[in-house]
Amino acid sequence: MKLKSAMFWVYLVVILYLVSMLVYVSVEFFGGADTNKISAFGSVLSGVGTLFAGFVAIYLFNDWREQHNKNIESQLCMKAFDYIQGFEFELIDIERFTILYLVNPNKSLLHKKFNNNLERLNVIADKSSVVLSDLGFFIPKKEYDKKFKPQFDIIIDQLEQYIHIYDSTFRFYKPNSQDKEFIQKYRELTAGLRDRYRATFVELNEYYKAL
């Protein structure tokens, strides 16, 4: 235990108070000291006991409040973890369908699911913006601005770019001899976006472990 820690002073005051009480009880029952002096000493100890009880109550309340705030931060971090993982899994699922869509010459049968996936991407973008911004409510501003916000801004920008390419380029893509190269570029685009989510996950995990 550190000498200057709050708990050290709590224990020290407890020990001194108990020693004083022991002296008081011993003098009162076994000593021949003046009754008035003993009574005065007892009053002082009573006052000290009242002050000490108040001090302990305040300390315990502050300790509880600090722990309570950390618990809330931990819960918010865990929710953010769940959202970020969920976004990544959705991107993987969309990627699998999109590769099949790109190489399929008859896209009319897949247009409905394509549109559904486009809507899913827009929902991911909206939720990502809210979830990532909400982290700024409990992460210290200096740390948030330095470590998290730049990463979040890149994620939102890449998502918007991804959605634009998905809607304008992939919708009417026709299979050709360049399919493999095109699909590889698409996979790299998706992988880059997922890497951003993972980087955010890692940073958030470091913050969570430090709580």
Protein backbone atom coordinates (compact mmCIF):
# COMPACT_ATOMS: atom_id res chain seq x y z
CA MET A 1 0.00 0.00 0.00
CA LYS A 2 1.34 3.43 -0.91
CA LEU A 3 2.08 5.70 2.02
CA LYS A 4 0.13 8.59 0.54
CA SER A 5 -2.85 6.59 -0.70
CA ALA A 6 -6.32 7.39 0.61
CA MET A 7 -6.71 3.92 2.08
CA PHE A 8 -3.51 4.35 4.08
CA TRP A 9 -4.93 7.40 5.86
CA VAL A 10 -8.23 5.64 6.45
CA TYR A 11 -6.47 2.71 8.10
CA LEU A 12 -4.22 5.05 10.10
CA VAL A 13 -7.16 7.02 11.49
CA VAL A 14 -8.99 3.79 12.34
CA ILE A 15 -5.98 2.45 14.22
CA LEU A 16 -5.42 5.72 16.13
CA TYR A 17 -9.07 5.93 17.04
CA LEU A 18 -9.16 2.33 18.28
CA VAL A 19 -6.01 2.91 20.33
CA SER A 20 -7.53 6.03 21.86
CA MET A 21 -10.71 4.15 22.70
CA LEU A 22 -8.66 1.39 24.30
CA VAL A 23 -6.82 3.96 26.44
CA TYR A 24 -10.06 5.62 27.42
CA VAL A 25 -11.74 2.35 28.42
CA SER A 26 -8.65 1.24 30.34
CA VAL A 27 -8.43 4.52 32.30
CA GLU A 28 -12.14 4.56 33.04
CA PHE A 29 -12.32 1.06 34.39
CA PHE A 30 -8.90 0.49 35.86
CA GLY A 31 -7.31 3.88 36.52
CA GLY A 32 -7.80 6.41 39.26
CA ALA A 33 -7.80 9.51 37.13
CA ASP A 34 -10.05 12.44 37.82
CA THR A 35 -13.63 11.78 36.71
CA ASN A 36 -14.01 15.15 34.98
CA LYS A 37 -10.87 14.62 32.93
CA ILE A 38 -12.03 11.17 31.91
CA SER A 39 -15.41 12.57 30.94
CA ALA A 40 -13.79 15.34 28.89
CA PHE A 41 -11.52 12.84 27.19
CA GLY A 42 -14.54 10.71 26.38
CA SER A 43 -16.33 13.71 24.84
CA VAL A 44 -13.31 14.43 22.64
CA LEU A 45 -13.21 10.81 21.49
CA SER A 46 -16.92 10.94 20.74
CA GLY A 47 -16.44 14.03 18.61
CA VAL A 48 -13.49 12.47 16.84
CA GLY A 49 -15.58 9.36 16.23
CA THR A 50 -18.37 11.44 14.67
CA LEU A 51 -15.94 13.30 12.41
CA PHE A 52 -14.25 10.06 11.45
CA ALA A 53 -17.59 8.41 10.63
CA GLY A 54 -18.42 11.34 8.35
CA PHE A 55 -15.02 11.16 6.71
CA VAL A 56 -15.37 7.44 6.06
CA ALA A 57 -18.89 7.93 4.66
CA ILE A 58 -17.66 10.61 2.23
CA TYR A 59 -14.67 8.52 1.20
CA LEU A 60 -16.78 5.40 0.62
CA PHE A 61 -19.32 7.41 -1.38
CA ASN A 62 -16.63 8.91 -3.61
CA ASP A 63 -15.06 5.49 -4.05
CA TRP A 64 -18.45 4.00 -4.97
CA ARG A 65 -19.17 6.85 -7.38
CA GLU A 66 -15.81 6.41 -9.12
CA GLN A 67 -16.34 2.66 -9.41
CA HIS A 68 -19.90 3.21 -10.62
CA ASN A 69 -18.69 5.56 -13.36
CA LYS A 70 -16.05 3.03 -14.43
CA ASN A 71 -18.71 0.31 -14.59
CA ILE A 72 -20.84 2.51 -16.86
CA GLU A 73 -17.81 3.21 -19.10
CA SER A 74 -17.07 -0.52 -19.25
CA GLN A 75 -20.65 -1.28 -20.30
CA LEU A 76 -20.52 1.38 -23.02
CA CYS A 77 -17.21 -0.03 -24.26
CA MET A 78 -18.69 -3.53 -24.41
CA LYS A 79 -21.68 -2.26 -26.41
CA ALA A 80 -19.29 -0.50 -28.80
CA PHE A 81 -17.32 -3.76 -29.16
CA ASP A 82 -20.52 -5.59 -30.07
CA TYR A 83 -21.52 -2.97 -32.63
CA ILE A 84 -18.09 -2.86 -34.26
CA GLN A 85 -17.91 -6.66 -34.52
CA GLY A 86 -21.45 -6.69 -35.90
CA PHE A 87 -20.50 -4.14 -38.59
CA GLU A 88 -17.50 -6.25 -39.63
CA PHE A 89 -19.58 -9.44 -39.88
CA GLU A 90 -22.14 -7.62 -42.02
CA LEU A 91 -19.43 -6.37 -44.35
CA ILE A 92 -18.14 -9.93 -44.75
CA ASP A 93 -21.64 -11.18 -45.59
CA ILE A 94 -22.20 -8.36 -48.10
CA GLU A 95 -18.82 -9.04 -49.69
CA ARG A 96 -19.64 -12.72 -50.27
CA PHE A 97 -22.90 -11.88 -52.01
CA THR A 98 -21.35 -9.06 -54.05
CA ILE A 99 -18.66 -11.32 -55.52
CA LEU A 100 -21.35 -13.73 -56.69
CA TYR A 101 -23.35 -10.81 -58.05
CA LEU A 102 -20.44 -9.39 -60.03
CA VAL A 103 -19.69 -12.62 -61.88
CA ASN A 104 -23.34 -13.51 -62.50
CA PRO A 105 -24.44 -12.49 -66.04
CA ASN A 106 -28.13 -12.58 -65.07
CA LYS A 107 -28.35 -9.92 -62.39
CA SER A 108 -32.11 -9.38 -62.57
CA LEU A 109 -32.71 -12.24 -60.14
CA LEU A 110 -30.26 -10.70 -57.64
CA HIS A 111 -31.31 -7.06 -57.83
CA LYS A 112 -33.60 -7.30 -54.79
CA LYS A 113 -30.85 -8.62 -52.54
CA PHE A 114 -28.40 -6.15 -54.03
CA ASN A 115 -30.73 -3.31 -53.04
CA ASN A 116 -31.16 -4.83 -49.60
CA ASN A 117 -27.39 -4.91 -49.15
CA LEU A 118 -27.13 -1.32 -50.29
CA GLU A 119 -29.66 -0.41 -47.62
CA ARG A 120 -27.68 -2.41 -45.06
CA LEU A 121 -24.57 -0.42 -45.96
CA ASN A 122 -26.42 2.83 -45.38
CA VAL A 123 -27.64 1.57 -42.00
CA ILE A 124 -24.08 0.54 -41.09
CA ALA A 125 -22.88 4.04 -42.00
CA ASP A 126 -25.58 5.71 -39.90
CA LYS A 127 -25.03 3.44 -36.89
CA SER A 128 -21.26 3.73 -37.15
CA SER A 129 -21.51 7.51 -37.08
CA VAL A 130 -23.67 7.43 -33.94
CA VAL A 131 -21.76 4.70 -32.08
CA LEU A 132 -18.32 6.12 -32.80
CA SER A 133 -19.40 9.66 -31.91
CA ASP A 134 -20.99 8.49 -28.64
CA LEU A 135 -17.62 7.18 -27.47
CA GLY A 136 -16.59 10.82 -27.11
CA PHE A 137 -19.02 11.22 -24.21
CA PHE A 138 -16.91 9.11 -21.82
CA ILE A 139 -13.43 8.91 -23.36
CA PRO A 140 -11.40 11.96 -22.21
CA LYS A 141 -11.53 14.62 -24.93
CA LYS A 142 -7.76 14.87 -25.41
CA GLU A 143 -7.41 11.10 -25.83
CA TYR A 144 -10.54 10.87 -27.99
CA ASP A 145 -9.37 13.65 -30.34
CA LYS A 146 -5.88 12.17 -30.65
CA LYS A 147 -6.49 8.41 -30.87
CA PHE A 148 -10.10 7.84 -31.84
CA LYS A 149 -11.66 10.70 -33.79
CA PRO A 150 -9.17 10.61 -36.73
CA GLN A 151 -9.81 6.87 -37.06
CA PHE A 152 -13.57 7.39 -36.91
CA ASP A 153 -13.51 10.12 -39.54
CA ILE A 154 -11.61 7.82 -41.91
CA ILE A 155 -14.11 5.01 -41.33
CA ILE A 156 -17.08 7.25 -42.16
CA ASP A 157 -15.32 8.64 -45.28
CA GLN A 158 -14.43 5.13 -46.49
CA LEU A 159 -17.98 3.91 -45.85
CA GLU A 160 -19.42 6.76 -47.93
CA GLN A 161 -16.95 6.00 -50.71
CA TYR A 162 -17.75 2.28 -50.48
CA ILE A 163 -21.50 2.94 -50.73
CA HIS A 164 -21.05 5.26 -53.72
CA ILE A 165 -18.91 2.70 -55.60
CA TYR A 166 -21.30 -0.10 -54.65
CA ASP A 167 -24.31 1.76 -56.02
CA SER A 168 -22.82 3.41 -59.10
CA THR A 169 -20.28 0.83 -60.28
CA PHE A 170 -21.34 -2.61 -59.07
CA ARG A 171 -25.04 -2.35 -59.89
CA PHE A 172 -24.52 -2.44 -63.65
CA TYR A 173 -21.23 -4.29 -63.77
CA LYS A 174 -21.04 -6.84 -66.60
CA PRO A 175 -18.75 -9.89 -66.32
CA ASN A 176 -15.72 -9.72 -68.59
CA SER A 177 -12.14 -10.88 -68.88
CA GLN A 178 -11.09 -8.42 -66.17
CA ASP A 179 -13.32 -9.99 -63.51
CA LYS A 180 -10.50 -11.35 -61.36
CA GLU A 181 -8.67 -8.03 -61.26
CA PHE A 182 -11.89 -6.13 -60.54
CA ILE A 183 -12.94 -8.50 -57.78
CA GLN A 184 -9.47 -8.35 -56.23
CA LYS A 185 -9.73 -4.55 -56.05
CA TYR A 186 -13.16 -4.89 -54.49
CA ARG A 187 -11.79 -7.29 -51.89
CA GLU A 188 -8.99 -4.87 -51.10
CA LEU A 189 -11.54 -2.08 -50.68
CA THR A 190 -13.58 -4.17 -48.26
CA ALA A 191 -10.48 -5.40 -46.41
CA GLY A 192 -9.28 -1.81 -45.94
CA LEU A 193 -12.61 -0.82 -44.42
CA ARG A 194 -12.64 -3.84 -42.10
CA ASP A 195 -9.06 -3.09 -41.06
CA ARG A 196 -10.21 0.35 -39.93
CA TYR A 197 -12.89 -1.22 -37.77
CA ARG A 198 -10.33 -3.64 -36.31
CA ALA A 199 -7.92 -0.77 -35.54
CA THR A 200 -10.73 0.99 -33.70
CA PHE A 201 -11.49 -2.22 -31.84
CA VAL A 202 -7.85 -2.52 -30.74
CA GLU A 203 -7.68 1.10 -29.55
CA LEU A 204 -10.95 0.72 -27.68
CA ASN A 205 -9.77 -2.52 -26.12
CA GLU A 206 -6.63 -0.79 -24.81
CA TYR A 207 -8.77 1.93 -23.28
CA TYR A 208 -11.12 -0.69 -21.78
CA LYS A 209 -8.24 -2.59 -20.14
CA ALA A 210 -6.96 0.67 -18.61
CA LEU A 211 -10.27 1.37 -16.85
